Amino acid sequence: MPPLQWRSGHQPLVILQHLSLWDSLPFTGKPFRSSTPVNMENLPVNNNNGQSYGYTLYETTVTSGGTLRSMNHVRDRALVFLSRHFVGVLDSTTLELPLLEEKGERTLSLLVENCGRVNYGDTLDDQRKGLVGDITLDKKPLRDFLIHSLDMKAAFVNRLQNSGHWKSMRHQPAFPSFLQAKLYIDGYPTDTFVKLPGWSKGVVFINGRNLGRYCAIGPQQTLYVPGPWLQRGNNQVMVFEEQESDGKIQFPSDPDYGMSVDVQ
């Protein structure tokens, strides 16, 4: 067995800047218009090869309230916004949400996350993600969507980090949001871990690389950061957070895999 690699902890980072999801959209690439929902694999992105992972944002206009029904066509989880105000979540257990009645046109947004695909069995060719069919408002199918692909690839992350559109933490973040901080390493970089207590759900990026997803429900509470992903001096840490943040990022030296019990 090779020896264990050195691991180091670091002082918690304070978030320095933020950029809302809505302000990040100009850096996602050209949006796609469609009269009906299109699943992410069939979007005309990545040289017409479609989108594989990440999030897809579907936006349309509504002129009334009522009951929004997913018809079980959300794959896998959608954050729902009305005029960019959070309404609720649609997933496999929550199939409908009430939308309050208001006069005038409003933008309905559904940020749909691909939570993963089944890689075995007879359903291999049925693993489509995003909106895979109609969603309805008071039993009427919604139409005329503007669709943004957010596959969280390195090119998008780099455009975002260099955009110059970031706001300081003097301004309250509007979620979903990208938040960033700097990790300074004095010496040779070693393995460490990221921990985000007080955060909800999202994705972590280290120096432009997609480190992985996190979720408050656990059980795993840390993400492994390989030492070779870090560099001596400043390291860029960016987090895409869906709903809330306590403004700090922890870097413990040991992993936290959640609660554990002895097996008798």
Protein backbone atom coordinates (compact mmCIF):
# COMPACT_ATOMS: atom_id res chain seq x y z
CA MET A 1 0.00 0.00 0.00
CA PRO A 2 1.34 3.46 -0.84
CA PRO A 3 1.66 5.85 2.10
CA LEU A 4 -1.19 8.25 2.83
CA GLN A 5 -0.79 11.68 1.29
CA TRP A 6 -0.38 14.71 3.50
CA ARG A 7 -3.58 16.59 4.20
CA SER A 8 -3.98 20.16 5.40
CA GLY A 9 -6.78 22.27 6.78
CA HIS A 10 -7.17 25.99 6.11
CA GLN A 11 -8.90 28.87 7.81
CA PRO A 12 -12.52 29.40 6.69
CA LEU A 13 -12.87 31.65 3.67
CA VAL A 14 -15.15 34.67 3.66
CA ILE A 15 -17.13 35.18 0.46
CA LEU A 16 -15.90 38.26 -1.37
CA GLN A 17 -18.20 38.59 -4.37
CA HIS A 18 -21.39 37.24 -5.86
CA LEU A 19 -23.19 37.14 -9.20
CA SER A 20 -26.81 36.08 -9.49
CA LEU A 21 -27.92 33.35 -11.86
CA TRP A 22 -29.89 35.94 -13.82
CA ASP A 23 -26.80 38.15 -14.27
CA SER A 24 -24.77 35.13 -15.40
CA LEU A 25 -27.04 34.27 -18.33
CA PRO A 26 -25.22 36.45 -20.92
CA PHE A 27 -22.18 34.20 -20.41
CA THR A 28 -23.96 30.89 -21.02
CA GLY A 29 -23.99 31.13 -24.78
CA LYS A 30 -26.86 31.86 -27.12
CA PRO A 31 -30.24 30.78 -25.70
CA PHE A 32 -32.57 28.57 -27.72
CA ARG A 33 -36.21 29.37 -28.48
CA SER A 34 -38.79 26.62 -28.76
CA SER A 35 -42.57 26.55 -28.80
CA THR A 36 -42.52 23.40 -26.64
CA PRO A 37 -40.13 22.09 -23.95
CA VAL A 38 -36.96 20.40 -25.22
CA ASN A 39 -34.96 17.99 -23.06
CA MET A 40 -31.31 18.90 -22.51
CA GLU A 41 -29.90 16.12 -24.69
CA ASN A 42 -31.69 17.54 -27.74
CA LEU A 43 -30.66 21.16 -27.29
CA PRO A 44 -28.62 22.64 -30.17
CA VAL A 45 -25.50 23.16 -28.03
CA ASN A 46 -22.01 21.62 -27.95
CA ASN A 47 -21.84 21.38 -31.75
CA ASN A 48 -25.41 20.05 -31.83
CA ASN A 49 -24.48 17.17 -29.54
CA GLY A 50 -26.81 18.39 -26.81
CA GLN A 51 -26.25 19.00 -23.12
CA SER A 52 -25.14 16.13 -20.90
CA TYR A 53 -25.03 17.43 -17.34
CA GLY A 54 -25.72 20.44 -15.15
CA TYR A 55 -28.80 22.64 -15.18
CA THR A 56 -31.17 23.87 -17.89
CA LEU A 57 -33.20 27.05 -17.45
CA TYR A 58 -36.62 27.21 -19.12
CA GLU A 59 -38.41 30.59 -19.22
CA THR A 60 -41.81 31.54 -20.56
CA THR A 61 -44.42 34.26 -20.03
CA VAL A 62 -47.65 33.80 -18.08
CA THR A 63 -50.55 36.21 -17.70
CA SER A 64 -52.49 34.51 -14.91
CA GLY A 65 -52.10 32.46 -11.77
CA GLY A 66 -53.39 28.99 -11.05
CA THR A 67 -51.98 25.53 -10.49
CA LEU A 68 -48.68 24.71 -12.16
CA ARG A 69 -48.46 20.98 -12.86
CA SER A 70 -45.32 19.16 -13.97
CA MET A 71 -47.26 16.19 -15.39
CA ASN A 72 -44.27 14.20 -14.11
CA HIS A 73 -42.18 15.70 -16.92
CA VAL A 74 -39.47 17.25 -14.73
CA ARG A 75 -36.17 15.35 -14.82
CA ASP A 76 -35.09 15.53 -12.13
CA ARG A 77 -35.69 18.58 -9.96
CA ALA A 78 -36.85 22.10 -10.82
CA LEU A 79 -36.60 25.33 -8.85
CA VAL A 80 -39.59 27.44 -9.89
CA PHE A 81 -39.49 31.24 -10.01
CA LEU A 82 -42.15 33.81 -10.89
CA SER A 83 -40.72 37.19 -11.90
CA ARG A 84 -37.46 35.82 -10.45
CA HIS A 85 -39.00 35.26 -7.01
CA PHE A 86 -38.73 31.71 -5.67
CA VAL A 87 -42.04 29.79 -5.63
CA GLY A 88 -41.07 26.21 -4.81
CA VAL A 89 -39.62 22.94 -6.07
CA LEU A 90 -41.06 20.43 -8.55
CA ASP A 91 -39.65 16.91 -8.45
CA SER A 92 -40.77 13.28 -8.39
CA THR A 93 -42.71 13.80 -5.15
CA THR A 94 -44.05 17.34 -5.69
CA LEU A 95 -45.94 17.49 -8.98
CA GLU A 96 -47.78 20.81 -8.63
CA LEU A 97 -47.39 24.30 -7.19
CA PRO A 98 -49.84 27.21 -6.78
CA LEU A 99 -49.04 30.44 -8.62
CA LEU A 100 -50.62 33.58 -7.18
CA GLU A 101 -52.95 35.57 -9.40
CA GLU A 102 -51.61 38.94 -10.55
CA LYS A 103 -52.39 41.25 -13.44
CA GLY A 104 -50.03 41.61 -16.36
CA GLU A 105 -47.30 39.49 -17.89
CA ARG A 106 -44.80 37.69 -15.66
CA THR A 107 -41.80 35.52 -16.41
CA LEU A 108 -42.05 31.93 -15.22
CA SER A 109 -38.63 30.29 -14.84
CA LEU A 110 -37.82 26.65 -14.16
CA LEU A 111 -34.22 25.81 -13.31
CA VAL A 112 -34.05 22.05 -13.91
CA GLU A 113 -31.19 19.96 -12.54
CA ASN A 114 -29.99 16.68 -13.98
CA CYS A 115 -29.42 14.68 -10.77
CA GLY A 116 -27.86 11.68 -12.54
CA ARG A 117 -28.70 8.84 -14.89
CA VAL A 118 -29.35 5.13 -14.46
CA ASN A 119 -26.49 3.26 -16.15
CA TYR A 120 -27.91 -0.25 -16.29
CA GLY A 121 -31.07 -2.14 -17.23
CA ASP A 122 -33.75 -1.71 -19.86
CA THR A 123 -34.15 2.06 -19.32
CA LEU A 124 -30.71 3.06 -20.57
CA ASP A 125 -32.15 4.73 -23.67
CA ASP A 126 -34.84 6.57 -21.71
CA GLN A 127 -32.53 8.71 -19.56
CA ARG A 128 -33.57 12.13 -20.82
CA LYS A 129 -33.16 15.17 -18.56
CA GLY A 130 -34.65 18.64 -18.27
CA LEU A 131 -38.30 19.05 -19.26
CA VAL A 132 -39.25 15.90 -21.16
CA GLY A 133 -42.83 16.92 -21.97
CA ASP A 134 -45.50 19.54 -21.39
CA ILE A 135 -46.06 21.33 -18.12
CA THR A 136 -49.42 22.97 -17.59
CA LEU A 137 -50.90 26.02 -15.89
CA ASP A 138 -54.55 25.39 -15.03
CA LYS A 139 -54.54 22.43 -17.42
CA LYS A 140 -53.23 24.49 -20.37
CA PRO A 141 -49.80 23.48 -21.74
CA LEU A 142 -47.23 26.27 -21.53
CA ARG A 143 -45.64 27.37 -24.78
CA ASP A 144 -42.90 29.61 -26.21
CA PHE A 145 -39.83 28.88 -24.09
CA LEU A 146 -36.46 30.58 -23.96
CA ILE A 147 -33.97 27.87 -22.93
CA HIS A 148 -30.50 28.41 -21.44
CA SER A 149 -27.96 25.60 -21.14
CA LEU A 150 -25.91 25.72 -17.92
CA ASP A 151 -23.67 22.68 -18.19
CA MET A 152 -21.09 24.33 -15.90
CA LYS A 153 -18.15 23.56 -18.19
CA ALA A 154 -14.73 25.17 -17.77
CA ALA A 155 -15.22 27.67 -20.62
CA PHE A 156 -18.38 29.04 -19.00
CA VAL A 157 -16.73 29.19 -15.57
CA ASN A 158 -13.76 31.11 -16.99
CA ARG A 159 -16.01 33.59 -18.80
CA LEU A 160 -17.92 34.12 -15.58
CA GLN A 161 -14.84 34.62 -13.41
CA ASN A 162 -13.37 37.15 -15.84
CA SER A 163 -16.64 38.96 -16.55
CA GLY A 164 -16.07 41.97 -14.28
CA HIS A 165 -19.77 41.88 -13.36
CA TRP A 166 -19.32 40.57 -9.83
CA LYS A 167 -20.83 42.48 -6.90
CA SER A 168 -19.27 42.90 -3.47
CA MET A 169 -20.90 41.40 -0.40
CA ARG A 170 -22.08 44.86 0.60
CA HIS A 171 -25.00 43.95 -1.66
CA GLN A 172 -27.19 41.08 -0.50
CA PRO A 173 -26.90 38.06 -2.84
CA ALA A 174 -30.02 37.11 -4.79
CA PHE A 175 -30.26 33.33 -5.06
CA PRO A 176 -29.58 31.24 -7.05
CA SER A 177 -26.14 32.81 -7.16
CA PHE A 178 -22.48 32.26 -7.91
CA LEU A 179 -20.23 33.24 -5.00
CA GLN A 180 -16.47 33.38 -4.94
CA ALA A 181 -13.55 33.66 -2.54
CA LYS A 182 -9.77 33.23 -2.60
CA LEU A 183 -7.82 30.52 -0.82
CA TYR A 184 -4.19 31.52 -0.20
CA ILE A 185 -1.71 28.67 0.21
CA ASP A 186 1.73 29.44 1.58
CA GLY A 187 3.84 26.43 0.69
CA TYR A 188 3.37 23.21 -1.23
CA PRO A 189 -0.35 22.46 -1.82
CA THR A 190 -1.65 19.29 -0.20
CA ASP A 191 -4.98 17.49 -0.20
CA THR A 192 -7.83 19.10 1.71
CA PHE A 193 -11.63 19.10 1.90
CA VAL A 194 -14.45 21.60 1.33
CA LYS A 195 -17.29 21.84 3.82
CA LEU A 196 -20.30 24.16 3.51
CA PRO A 197 -22.40 24.21 6.70
CA GLY A 198 -25.25 26.68 6.44
CA TRP A 199 -25.45 26.29 2.67
CA SER A 200 -28.23 24.44 0.83
CA LYS A 201 -27.35 22.77 -2.48
CA GLY A 202 -25.07 23.50 -5.39
CA VAL A 203 -21.72 23.01 -7.12
CA VAL A 204 -18.13 23.85 -6.10
CA PHE A 205 -15.39 24.97 -8.51
CA ILE A 206 -11.67 25.16 -7.69
CA ASN A 207 -9.46 27.19 -10.05
CA GLY A 208 -12.06 26.83 -12.80
CA ARG A 209 -12.52 23.08 -12.36
CA ASN A 210 -15.82 21.50 -11.41
CA LEU A 211 -15.08 19.81 -8.07
CA GLY A 212 -18.54 18.36 -7.50
CA ARG A 213 -21.99 18.84 -6.06
CA TYR A 214 -22.99 19.21 -2.42
CA CYS A 215 -26.32 19.01 -0.60
CA ALA A 216 -27.18 19.88 3.00
CA ILE A 217 -29.28 16.73 3.48
CA GLY A 218 -26.09 14.65 3.30
CA PRO A 219 -25.05 12.23 4.53
CA GLN A 220 -21.69 13.29 3.04
CA GLN A 221 -20.74 16.78 4.26
CA THR A 222 -17.36 17.31 2.57
CA LEU A 223 -15.89 17.26 -0.93
CA TYR A 224 -12.35 16.03 -1.52
CA VAL A 225 -9.93 18.58 -3.00
CA PRO A 226 -6.81 16.96 -4.56
CA GLY A 227 -3.59 18.80 -3.80
CA PRO A 228 -2.59 18.93 -7.52
CA TRP A 229 -5.73 21.00 -8.19
CA LEU A 230 -4.33 23.73 -5.95
CA GLN A 231 -1.39 26.06 -6.44
CA ARG A 232 0.99 28.03 -4.29
CA GLY A 233 -0.48 31.49 -3.66
CA ASN A 234 -4.05 32.47 -4.53
CA ASN A 235 -6.62 29.87 -5.54
CA GLN A 236 -10.01 30.79 -6.96
CA VAL A 237 -12.94 29.15 -5.17
CA MET A 238 -16.40 29.56 -6.71
CA VAL A 239 -19.69 28.08 -5.54
CA PHE A 240 -23.02 27.93 -7.33
CA GLU A 241 -25.62 27.95 -4.55
CA GLU A 242 -29.32 27.43 -5.19
CA GLN A 243 -30.99 28.97 -2.14
CA GLU A 244 -28.91 30.13 0.86
CA SER A 245 -25.40 30.71 2.18
CA ASP A 246 -23.82 31.62 5.50
CA GLY A 247 -21.05 33.47 3.67
CA LYS A 248 -18.15 31.18 4.65
CA ILE A 249 -16.41 28.15 3.13
CA GLN A 250 -14.59 25.72 5.41
CA PHE A 251 -11.49 23.69 4.50
CA PRO A 252 -11.04 20.95 7.13
CA SER A 253 -8.16 18.48 7.02
CA ASP A 254 -10.43 15.47 7.52
CA PRO A 255 -13.52 14.26 5.63
CA ASP A 256 -17.01 14.22 7.11
CA TYR A 257 -19.10 11.39 5.71
CA GLY A 258 -22.07 12.09 7.95
CA MET A 259 -23.48 10.25 10.93
CA SER A 260 -22.20 6.74 11.48
CA VAL A 261 -23.11 3.88 13.79
CA ASP A 262 -21.35 0.69 14.72
CA VAL A 263 -22.64 -2.36 12.89
CA GLN A 264 -23.23 -5.22 15.33
